[in-house]
N, C-alpha and C. Protein backbone atom coordinates (compact mmCIF):
# COMPACT_ATOMS: atom_id res chain seq x y z
N MET A 1 27.51 -5.98 -4.50
CA MET A 1 26.38 -6.06 -4.10
C MET A 1 26.02 -4.55 -3.96
N ASP A 2 24.68 -4.05 -4.17
CA ASP A 2 24.09 -2.79 -3.93
C ASP A 2 23.38 -2.77 -2.76
N SER A 3 23.80 -1.77 -1.73
CA SER A 3 23.03 -1.83 -0.49
C SER A 3 21.95 -0.83 -0.38
N GLY A 4 21.78 -0.03 -1.57
CA GLY A 4 20.93 1.01 -1.74
C GLY A 4 19.32 0.30 -1.96
N LYS A 5 18.44 1.01 -1.79
CA LYS A 5 16.88 0.53 -2.30
C LYS A 5 16.88 0.48 -3.67
N THR A 6 16.33 -0.64 -4.19
CA THR A 6 15.91 -0.57 -5.80
C THR A 6 14.75 -0.01 -5.95
N THR A 7 14.50 0.47 -6.98
CA THR A 7 13.16 1.09 -7.17
C THR A 7 12.62 0.17 -8.39
N GLY A 8 11.18 0.29 -8.36
CA GLY A 8 10.57 -0.41 -9.35
C GLY A 8 9.31 -1.16 -8.66
N PHE A 9 8.32 -1.21 -9.50
CA PHE A 9 7.05 -2.11 -8.94
C PHE A 9 7.50 -3.31 -8.63
N ALA A 10 7.12 -3.83 -7.30
CA ALA A 10 7.30 -5.25 -7.05
C ALA A 10 6.40 -5.89 -6.14
N LEU A 11 5.69 -7.22 -6.44
CA LEU A 11 4.77 -7.68 -5.73
C LEU A 11 5.43 -8.63 -4.86
N GLU A 12 5.39 -8.43 -3.59
CA GLU A 12 6.17 -9.35 -2.58
C GLU A 12 5.35 -10.73 -2.20
N ASP A 13 4.06 -10.30 -2.21
CA ASP A 13 2.96 -11.55 -1.84
C ASP A 13 1.77 -11.17 -2.71
N LEU A 14 1.18 -12.38 -3.27
CA LEU A 14 0.12 -12.21 -4.14
C LEU A 14 -0.71 -13.38 -3.68
N SER A 15 -1.97 -13.40 -3.28
CA SER A 15 -2.96 -14.53 -3.15
C SER A 15 -4.09 -14.29 -4.23
N VAL A 16 -4.34 -15.48 -4.88
CA VAL A 16 -5.31 -15.28 -6.02
C VAL A 16 -6.76 -15.82 -5.41
N GLY A 17 -7.84 -15.59 -6.36
CA GLY A 17 -9.17 -16.17 -5.88
C GLY A 17 -10.07 -14.86 -5.57
N PRO A 18 -11.35 -15.20 -5.16
CA PRO A 18 -12.14 -13.86 -5.06
C PRO A 18 -11.93 -13.06 -3.91
N TYR A 19 -11.01 -13.42 -3.18
CA TYR A 19 -10.55 -12.55 -2.08
C TYR A 19 -9.10 -12.32 -2.22
N ALA A 20 -8.52 -12.16 -3.24
CA ALA A 20 -7.35 -11.88 -3.58
C ALA A 20 -6.72 -10.74 -2.72
N HIS A 21 -5.56 -10.82 -2.45
CA HIS A 21 -4.80 -9.87 -1.45
C HIS A 21 -3.28 -10.20 -1.78
N GLY A 22 -2.57 -9.05 -1.07
CA GLY A 22 -1.21 -9.22 -1.19
C GLY A 22 -0.58 -7.61 -0.87
N PHE A 23 0.67 -7.60 -1.06
CA PHE A 23 1.54 -6.50 -0.71
C PHE A 23 2.82 -6.27 -1.51
N GLY A 24 3.26 -5.25 -1.64
CA GLY A 24 4.55 -5.02 -2.37
C GLY A 24 4.91 -3.42 -2.29
N THR A 25 5.86 -3.19 -3.34
CA THR A 25 6.44 -1.75 -3.20
C THR A 25 6.08 -1.22 -4.68
N ASN A 26 5.88 0.11 -4.69
CA ASN A 26 5.69 0.84 -6.06
C ASN A 26 7.06 1.26 -6.41
N ALA A 27 6.84 1.90 -7.76
CA ALA A 27 7.98 2.40 -8.40
C ALA A 27 8.85 3.32 -7.59
N GLY A 28 8.44 4.11 -6.53
CA GLY A 28 9.17 5.01 -5.72
C GLY A 28 9.63 4.32 -4.45
N GLY A 29 9.38 3.11 -4.36
CA GLY A 29 9.88 2.30 -3.24
C GLY A 29 8.97 2.40 -1.97
N GLN A 30 7.71 2.89 -2.17
CA GLN A 30 6.88 3.02 -0.99
C GLN A 30 5.90 1.63 -0.86
N ALA A 31 5.88 1.36 0.36
CA ALA A 31 5.03 -0.08 0.50
C ALA A 31 3.66 0.26 0.11
N PHE A 32 2.92 -0.81 -0.25
CA PHE A 32 1.43 -1.03 -0.66
C PHE A 32 0.77 -2.13 -0.26
N ALA A 33 -0.42 -2.21 -0.05
CA ALA A 33 -1.20 -3.41 0.30
C ALA A 33 -2.42 -3.30 -0.64
N PHE A 34 -3.04 -4.52 -1.07
CA PHE A 34 -4.38 -4.64 -1.73
C PHE A 34 -5.15 -5.59 -1.21
N ARG A 35 -6.40 -5.53 -1.87
CA ARG A 35 -7.37 -6.73 -1.35
C ARG A 35 -8.36 -6.69 -2.33
N VAL A 36 -9.08 -7.65 -2.57
CA VAL A 36 -10.35 -7.88 -3.42
C VAL A 36 -11.49 -8.02 -2.57
N ARG A 37 -12.51 -7.38 -2.56
CA ARG A 37 -13.80 -7.43 -1.84
C ARG A 37 -14.92 -7.22 -2.81
N ARG A 38 -15.87 -8.13 -3.03
CA ARG A 38 -17.01 -7.91 -3.82
C ARG A 38 -16.82 -7.33 -5.29
N SER A 39 -15.56 -7.91 -5.80
CA SER A 39 -15.24 -7.44 -7.30
C SER A 39 -14.77 -6.22 -7.16
N THR A 40 -14.19 -5.66 -6.18
CA THR A 40 -13.40 -4.41 -6.21
C THR A 40 -12.11 -4.54 -5.66
N LEU A 41 -11.16 -4.01 -6.26
CA LEU A 41 -9.92 -3.88 -5.73
C LEU A 41 -9.62 -2.55 -5.01
N PHE A 42 -9.09 -2.72 -3.74
CA PHE A 42 -8.74 -1.72 -2.90
C PHE A 42 -7.20 -1.83 -2.62
N VAL A 43 -6.66 -0.62 -2.92
CA VAL A 43 -5.16 -0.26 -2.75
C VAL A 43 -4.94 0.66 -1.70
N GLU A 44 -3.87 0.56 -0.83
CA GLU A 44 -3.44 1.49 0.06
C GLU A 44 -2.01 1.59 -0.13
N VAL A 45 -1.64 2.86 -0.45
CA VAL A 45 -0.09 3.34 -0.38
C VAL A 45 0.24 3.85 0.87
N TYR A 46 1.54 3.41 1.40
CA TYR A 46 1.84 3.95 2.65
C TYR A 46 2.85 4.81 2.45
N ARG A 47 3.16 5.75 3.45
CA ARG A 47 4.09 7.00 3.66
C ARG A 47 5.59 6.19 3.51
N ALA A 48 6.39 7.07 2.74
CA ALA A 48 7.74 6.51 2.58
C ALA A 48 8.76 6.24 3.82
N ASP A 49 8.43 7.00 4.93
CA ASP A 49 9.19 6.85 6.18
C ASP A 49 8.70 5.91 7.01
N LEU A 50 7.85 5.10 6.56
CA LEU A 50 7.33 3.91 7.29
C LEU A 50 8.31 3.05 8.25
N GLU A 51 8.13 3.09 9.55
CA GLU A 51 8.96 2.43 10.30
C GLU A 51 8.36 1.04 10.82
N SER A 52 7.31 0.95 10.82
CA SER A 52 6.43 -0.22 11.25
C SER A 52 6.28 -1.22 10.13
N THR A 53 6.44 -2.60 10.53
CA THR A 53 6.14 -3.54 9.53
C THR A 53 4.65 -3.85 9.28
N VAL A 54 3.89 -3.29 10.25
CA VAL A 54 2.51 -3.56 10.20
C VAL A 54 1.69 -1.80 10.23
N PRO A 55 1.64 -1.39 9.09
CA PRO A 55 0.94 0.12 8.92
C PRO A 55 -0.38 0.16 9.26
N ASP A 56 -0.89 1.27 9.95
CA ASP A 56 -2.05 1.36 10.21
C ASP A 56 -2.69 2.51 9.19
N LYS A 57 -4.06 2.85 9.54
CA LYS A 57 -4.71 3.94 8.59
C LYS A 57 -3.91 5.26 8.58
N SER A 58 -3.45 5.51 9.78
CA SER A 58 -2.47 6.94 9.81
C SER A 58 -1.24 6.91 8.76
N ASP A 59 -0.97 5.87 8.35
CA ASP A 59 0.12 5.75 7.40
C ASP A 59 -0.13 5.71 6.10
N VAL A 60 -1.23 5.75 5.63
CA VAL A 60 -2.01 5.65 4.33
C VAL A 60 -1.70 7.13 3.63
N VAL A 61 -1.25 7.36 2.48
CA VAL A 61 -0.94 8.55 1.87
C VAL A 61 -1.65 8.61 0.44
N ALA A 62 -2.13 7.37 -0.07
CA ALA A 62 -2.82 7.19 -1.34
C ALA A 62 -3.67 6.05 -1.31
N THR A 63 -4.84 6.14 -2.18
CA THR A 63 -5.56 4.91 -2.26
C THR A 63 -6.08 4.87 -3.65
N ALA A 64 -6.58 3.60 -4.08
CA ALA A 64 -7.27 3.58 -5.31
C ALA A 64 -8.33 2.22 -5.19
N GLU A 65 -9.38 2.46 -6.09
CA GLU A 65 -10.34 1.50 -5.96
C GLU A 65 -10.49 1.26 -7.56
N ARG A 66 -10.78 0.02 -7.98
CA ARG A 66 -10.87 -0.66 -9.31
C ARG A 66 -11.81 -1.74 -9.30
N SER A 67 -12.68 -1.72 -10.22
CA SER A 67 -13.76 -2.88 -10.62
C SER A 67 -12.97 -4.00 -11.15
N MET A 68 -13.00 -5.20 -10.68
CA MET A 68 -12.36 -6.30 -11.00
C MET A 68 -13.20 -7.38 -11.88
N ILE A 69 -14.44 -6.84 -12.23
CA ILE A 69 -15.28 -7.76 -12.90
C ILE A 69 -14.75 -8.49 -14.12
N THR A 70 -14.13 -7.72 -14.94
CA THR A 70 -13.50 -8.40 -16.19
C THR A 70 -12.00 -8.98 -15.92
N VAL A 71 -11.53 -9.09 -14.75
CA VAL A 71 -10.37 -9.59 -14.52
C VAL A 71 -10.41 -11.00 -13.90
N ASP A 72 -9.53 -11.99 -14.40
CA ASP A 72 -9.63 -13.27 -14.06
C ASP A 72 -8.80 -13.34 -12.74
N LEU A 73 -9.69 -13.46 -11.55
CA LEU A 73 -9.25 -13.67 -10.27
C LEU A 73 -8.24 -14.94 -10.13
N THR A 74 -8.21 -15.81 -10.63
CA THR A 74 -7.37 -17.08 -10.75
C THR A 74 -6.24 -16.90 -11.32
N ASP A 75 -5.99 -15.86 -11.92
CA ASP A 75 -4.53 -15.77 -12.81
C ASP A 75 -3.66 -14.46 -12.08
N GLU A 76 -2.66 -15.05 -11.71
CA GLU A 76 -1.72 -14.10 -10.91
C GLU A 76 -1.16 -12.82 -11.78
N ARG A 77 -0.94 -13.21 -13.16
CA ARG A 77 -0.54 -12.06 -13.87
C ARG A 77 -1.69 -11.19 -14.28
N SER A 78 -2.92 -11.44 -14.35
CA SER A 78 -4.19 -10.59 -14.42
C SER A 78 -4.21 -9.74 -13.26
N ILE A 79 -4.19 -10.33 -12.03
CA ILE A 79 -4.34 -9.43 -10.73
C ILE A 79 -3.16 -8.43 -10.63
N ALA A 80 -1.99 -9.22 -11.02
CA ALA A 80 -0.55 -8.27 -11.08
C ALA A 80 -0.91 -7.20 -11.81
N ALA A 81 -1.22 -7.07 -13.06
CA ALA A 81 -1.34 -6.06 -14.00
C ALA A 81 -2.45 -5.01 -13.51
N ALA A 82 -3.73 -5.57 -12.94
CA ALA A 82 -4.73 -4.60 -12.40
C ALA A 82 -4.21 -4.07 -11.10
N VAL A 83 -3.45 -4.60 -10.16
CA VAL A 83 -2.82 -3.90 -9.04
C VAL A 83 -1.62 -2.81 -9.60
N ARG A 84 -0.69 -3.28 -10.29
CA ARG A 84 0.25 -2.28 -10.99
C ARG A 84 -0.52 -0.99 -11.46
N ASP A 85 -1.65 -1.05 -12.23
CA ASP A 85 -2.17 0.06 -12.74
C ASP A 85 -2.86 0.94 -11.80
N ALA A 86 -3.50 0.26 -10.70
CA ALA A 86 -4.26 0.80 -9.58
C ALA A 86 -3.33 1.69 -8.75
N VAL A 87 -2.00 0.94 -8.37
CA VAL A 87 -1.04 1.56 -7.55
C VAL A 87 -0.57 2.94 -8.35
N ALA A 88 -0.30 2.79 -9.60
CA ALA A 88 0.26 3.91 -10.25
C ALA A 88 -0.57 5.01 -10.39
N ALA A 89 -1.90 4.73 -10.49
CA ALA A 89 -3.04 5.77 -10.37
C ALA A 89 -3.70 6.25 -9.06
N ALA A 90 -3.05 5.65 -8.07
CA ALA A 90 -3.50 6.09 -6.68
C ALA A 90 -3.44 7.51 -6.49
N GLU A 91 -4.77 7.92 -5.77
CA GLU A 91 -4.86 9.45 -5.65
C GLU A 91 -4.52 9.67 -4.15
N PRO A 92 -3.70 10.79 -3.93
CA PRO A 92 -3.42 11.27 -2.40
C PRO A 92 -4.75 11.30 -1.60
N VAL A 93 -4.55 10.77 -0.32
CA VAL A 93 -5.50 11.08 0.78
C VAL A 93 -5.55 12.13 1.40
N ASN A 94 -6.65 12.99 1.56
CA ASN A 94 -6.69 14.23 1.92
C ASN A 94 -6.45 14.00 3.62
N PRO A 95 -5.46 14.67 4.14
CA PRO A 95 -5.05 14.29 5.43
C PRO A 95 -6.17 14.96 6.41
N GLY A 96 -6.96 15.90 6.16
CA GLY A 96 -8.15 16.32 6.77
C GLY A 96 -9.13 15.35 7.22
N THR A 97 -9.19 14.26 6.37
CA THR A 97 -10.24 13.59 6.51
C THR A 97 -10.42 12.42 7.73
N ALA A 98 -9.09 12.26 8.07
CA ALA A 98 -8.80 11.30 9.06
C ALA A 98 -8.58 12.09 10.42
N THR A 99 -9.28 11.89 11.45
CA THR A 99 -9.13 12.79 12.63
C THR A 99 -8.03 11.97 13.45
N GLY A 100 -7.13 13.11 13.86
CA GLY A 100 -5.79 12.61 14.80
C GLY A 100 -4.78 11.92 13.74
N THR A 101 -4.89 12.22 12.59
CA THR A 101 -3.66 11.44 11.88
C THR A 101 -2.41 12.14 12.08
N THR A 102 -2.44 13.40 12.14
CA THR A 102 -1.30 14.21 12.35
C THR A 102 -0.87 14.16 13.72
N LEU A 103 -1.56 14.23 14.73
CA LEU A 103 -1.09 13.98 15.95
C LEU A 103 -0.49 12.58 16.14
N ARG A 104 -1.17 11.66 15.83
CA ARG A 104 -0.72 10.25 15.81
C ARG A 104 0.61 10.08 15.17
N ALA A 105 0.74 10.65 14.03
CA ALA A 105 1.86 10.51 13.28
C ALA A 105 3.17 11.11 14.10
N LEU A 106 2.83 12.43 14.74
CA LEU A 106 3.87 13.07 15.11
C LEU A 106 4.19 12.24 16.47
N LEU A 107 3.30 11.80 17.37
CA LEU A 107 3.72 11.04 18.49
C LEU A 107 4.29 9.61 18.18
N GLY A 108 4.09 9.10 17.11
CA GLY A 108 4.83 7.90 16.71
C GLY A 108 6.29 8.21 16.38
N ARG A 109 6.45 9.32 15.65
CA ARG A 109 7.82 9.75 15.37
C ARG A 109 8.42 10.16 16.71
N LEU A 110 7.86 10.83 17.54
CA LEU A 110 8.68 11.19 18.90
C LEU A 110 9.06 9.83 19.54
N SER A 111 8.01 8.94 19.66
CA SER A 111 8.26 7.60 20.31
C SER A 111 9.50 7.03 19.80
N SER A 112 9.67 6.97 18.62
CA SER A 112 10.63 6.36 17.87
C SER A 112 11.94 7.02 18.27
N ILE A 113 11.99 8.28 18.32
CA ILE A 113 13.17 8.89 18.67
C ILE A 113 13.74 8.74 20.09
N LEU A 114 12.78 8.62 20.91
CA LEU A 114 12.86 8.40 22.41
C LEU A 114 13.31 6.96 22.45
N ASP A 115 12.79 6.15 21.90
CA ASP A 115 13.20 4.74 21.97
C ASP A 115 14.81 4.41 21.63
N ARG A 116 15.16 5.19 20.70
CA ARG A 116 16.51 4.93 20.28
C ARG A 116 17.59 5.53 21.53
N ARG A 117 17.22 6.21 22.36
CA ARG A 117 18.23 6.70 23.41
C ARG A 117 18.61 5.67 24.18
């Protein structure tokens, strides 16, 4: 049994329909989440050293948006393919656009270190 992290795109949860959503890991092992709203796919990729099972906006390192007008939202394979392509093409988030992100990340890391003692 291999105790290391396996790499490769994986969808851990996928719900179909007009409000399709889910989460998984990308080829690099980073967690991501997606949702469809008003025929648009929104993807958020989270930082690699994520310690929380519920990430917030300060944990987002890349995003992608895609039109889902031509995608069958009742077909898991169609949604999975669109999500895979969007995750692969996600663009890095400019850290200067979110106020307090650096401070929040630093405080979160310090808190986790102190909690271990």
